[in-house]
Amino acid sequence: MRLAIVAAALLAAMGGARAETCNRQVFEHCRACHALTNDAGQKPGPQLAGVIGRPVAGDPAFDYSPVLQAARAKGEVWTRDRLDAYLTDPQEVYAGTWMGSPPIRDAKQRADILCVLGGQ
């Protein structure tokens, strides 16, 4: 029994350490337009709580560009790979999107943002 408690404590500690590997600071510039919690109210951009695995243009409270609405109609879903490509160059992935942020060319920054988005 004691071994099980120690093992559980180690697993919990490892999970906490893994969650802290995200550099949450890189998401700060995203907060001007996006929130990570459902209770944050509407911002200029769509809500990002649970975005990974959600349909593209899946925030019902946000008015998306026609290109993102078309992607939703085709059944496209935000995966890590799709988000990574989108953050790298939004216009390349969805020409005509309204996202005003410049492309994020730095792979480490994108990885940290995806880590933050996936850790909700």
Protein backbone atom coordinates (compact mmCIF):
# COMPACT_ATOMS: atom_id res chain seq x y z
CA MET A 1 0.00 0.00 0.00
CA ARG A 2 2.78 2.39 0.90
CA LEU A 3 4.47 1.71 -2.44
CA ALA A 4 1.25 2.58 -4.29
CA ILE A 5 1.02 5.91 -2.46
CA VAL A 6 4.64 6.75 -3.28
CA ALA A 7 4.11 5.76 -6.92
CA ALA A 8 0.98 7.93 -7.13
CA ALA A 9 2.84 10.87 -5.61
CA LEU A 10 5.69 10.46 -8.11
CA LEU A 11 3.28 10.31 -11.04
CA ALA A 12 1.50 13.42 -9.82
CA ALA A 13 4.80 15.25 -9.44
CA MET A 14 5.90 14.19 -12.92
CA GLY A 15 2.60 15.38 -14.39
CA GLY A 16 3.03 18.75 -12.69
CA ALA A 17 6.57 19.08 -13.96
CA ARG A 18 5.49 18.22 -17.47
CA ALA A 19 2.76 20.88 -17.37
CA GLU A 20 5.33 23.47 -16.29
CA THR A 21 7.46 22.86 -19.38
CA CYS A 22 5.09 25.16 -21.29
CA ASN A 23 6.43 28.68 -21.53
CA ARG A 24 3.10 30.34 -20.74
CA GLN A 25 4.67 33.77 -21.30
CA VAL A 26 4.54 33.30 -25.09
CA PHE A 27 0.74 33.28 -24.95
CA GLU A 28 0.60 36.73 -23.34
CA HIS A 29 0.46 38.58 -26.68
CA CYS A 30 -2.42 36.28 -27.72
CA ARG A 31 -4.46 37.34 -24.68
CA ALA A 32 -5.19 40.71 -26.27
CA CYS A 33 -7.65 38.89 -28.55
CA HIS A 34 -8.12 35.39 -27.11
CA ALA A 35 -9.18 33.93 -23.77
CA LEU A 36 -8.38 30.47 -22.42
CA THR A 37 -11.36 30.11 -20.11
CA ASN A 38 -15.05 30.09 -20.90
CA ASP A 39 -15.81 32.61 -18.16
CA ALA A 40 -13.44 35.31 -19.56
CA GLY A 41 -16.10 37.01 -21.66
CA GLN A 42 -15.93 37.79 -25.36
CA LYS A 43 -12.73 39.25 -26.77
CA PRO A 44 -11.90 40.44 -30.31
CA GLY A 45 -10.90 36.90 -31.28
CA PRO A 46 -12.55 33.55 -30.64
CA GLN A 47 -12.45 31.73 -27.30
CA LEU A 48 -9.62 29.16 -27.27
CA ALA A 49 -10.67 26.98 -24.34
CA GLY A 50 -10.57 23.42 -25.66
CA VAL A 51 -9.61 24.51 -29.18
CA ILE A 52 -7.58 21.38 -29.95
CA GLY A 53 -10.09 18.82 -31.17
CA ARG A 54 -12.78 21.44 -31.73
CA PRO A 55 -14.22 22.17 -35.18
CA VAL A 56 -12.59 25.04 -37.06
CA ALA A 57 -14.72 28.14 -36.43
CA GLY A 58 -16.19 26.34 -33.43
CA ASP A 59 -16.77 29.19 -30.98
CA PRO A 60 -20.51 29.85 -31.38
CA ALA A 61 -20.15 33.38 -29.98
CA PHE A 62 -17.63 34.50 -32.61
CA ASP A 63 -18.28 35.81 -36.12
CA TYR A 64 -15.69 33.98 -38.24
CA SER A 65 -14.38 34.89 -41.68
CA PRO A 66 -16.08 33.14 -44.60
CA VAL A 67 -13.00 30.97 -45.22
CA LEU A 68 -13.13 29.60 -41.65
CA GLN A 69 -16.88 29.12 -41.88
CA ALA A 70 -16.30 27.10 -45.06
CA ALA A 71 -13.68 24.99 -43.27
CA ARG A 72 -16.21 24.26 -40.51
CA ALA A 73 -18.81 23.31 -43.12
CA LYS A 74 -16.30 20.81 -44.57
CA GLY A 75 -15.89 19.26 -41.11
CA GLU A 76 -12.33 20.45 -40.48
CA VAL A 77 -11.08 20.21 -36.89
CA TRP A 78 -8.28 22.02 -35.07
CA THR A 79 -5.52 19.48 -34.54
CA ARG A 80 -2.07 20.30 -33.21
CA ASP A 81 -0.65 20.00 -36.72
CA ARG A 82 -3.31 22.25 -38.25
CA LEU A 83 -2.86 24.85 -35.50
CA ASP A 84 0.91 24.71 -35.91
CA ALA A 85 0.58 25.35 -39.65
CA TYR A 86 -1.98 28.10 -39.02
CA LEU A 87 0.22 29.87 -36.48
CA THR A 88 3.17 29.57 -38.86
CA ASP A 89 1.25 31.41 -41.59
CA PRO A 90 -2.51 31.94 -41.14
CA GLN A 91 -2.98 33.23 -44.70
CA GLU A 92 -1.20 30.21 -46.17
CA VAL A 93 -3.56 27.80 -44.41
CA TYR A 94 -6.77 29.83 -44.73
CA ALA A 95 -6.37 32.64 -47.27
CA GLY A 96 -8.75 35.40 -46.26
CA THR A 97 -8.77 34.67 -42.54
CA TRP A 98 -9.25 37.73 -40.36
CA MET A 99 -6.56 36.93 -37.78
CA GLY A 100 -4.49 40.09 -37.44
CA SER A 101 -1.48 38.56 -35.72
CA PRO A 102 1.66 38.19 -37.81
CA PRO A 103 2.90 34.67 -38.58
CA ILE A 104 4.84 33.00 -35.78
CA ARG A 105 7.93 31.66 -37.53
CA ASP A 106 9.74 30.48 -34.38
CA ALA A 107 9.01 26.77 -33.90
CA LYS A 108 9.72 26.90 -30.14
CA GLN A 109 7.23 29.74 -29.67
CA ARG A 110 4.58 27.80 -31.58
CA ALA A 111 5.32 24.66 -29.58
CA ASP A 112 4.88 26.60 -26.34
CA ILE A 113 1.61 28.13 -27.54
CA LEU A 114 0.35 24.69 -28.55
CA CYS A 115 1.45 23.36 -25.17
CA VAL A 116 -0.59 26.09 -23.46
CA LEU A 117 -3.60 25.41 -25.68
CA GLY A 118 -3.38 21.66 -25.13
CA GLY A 119 -2.95 21.95 -21.37
CA GLN A 120 -6.39 23.32 -20.59
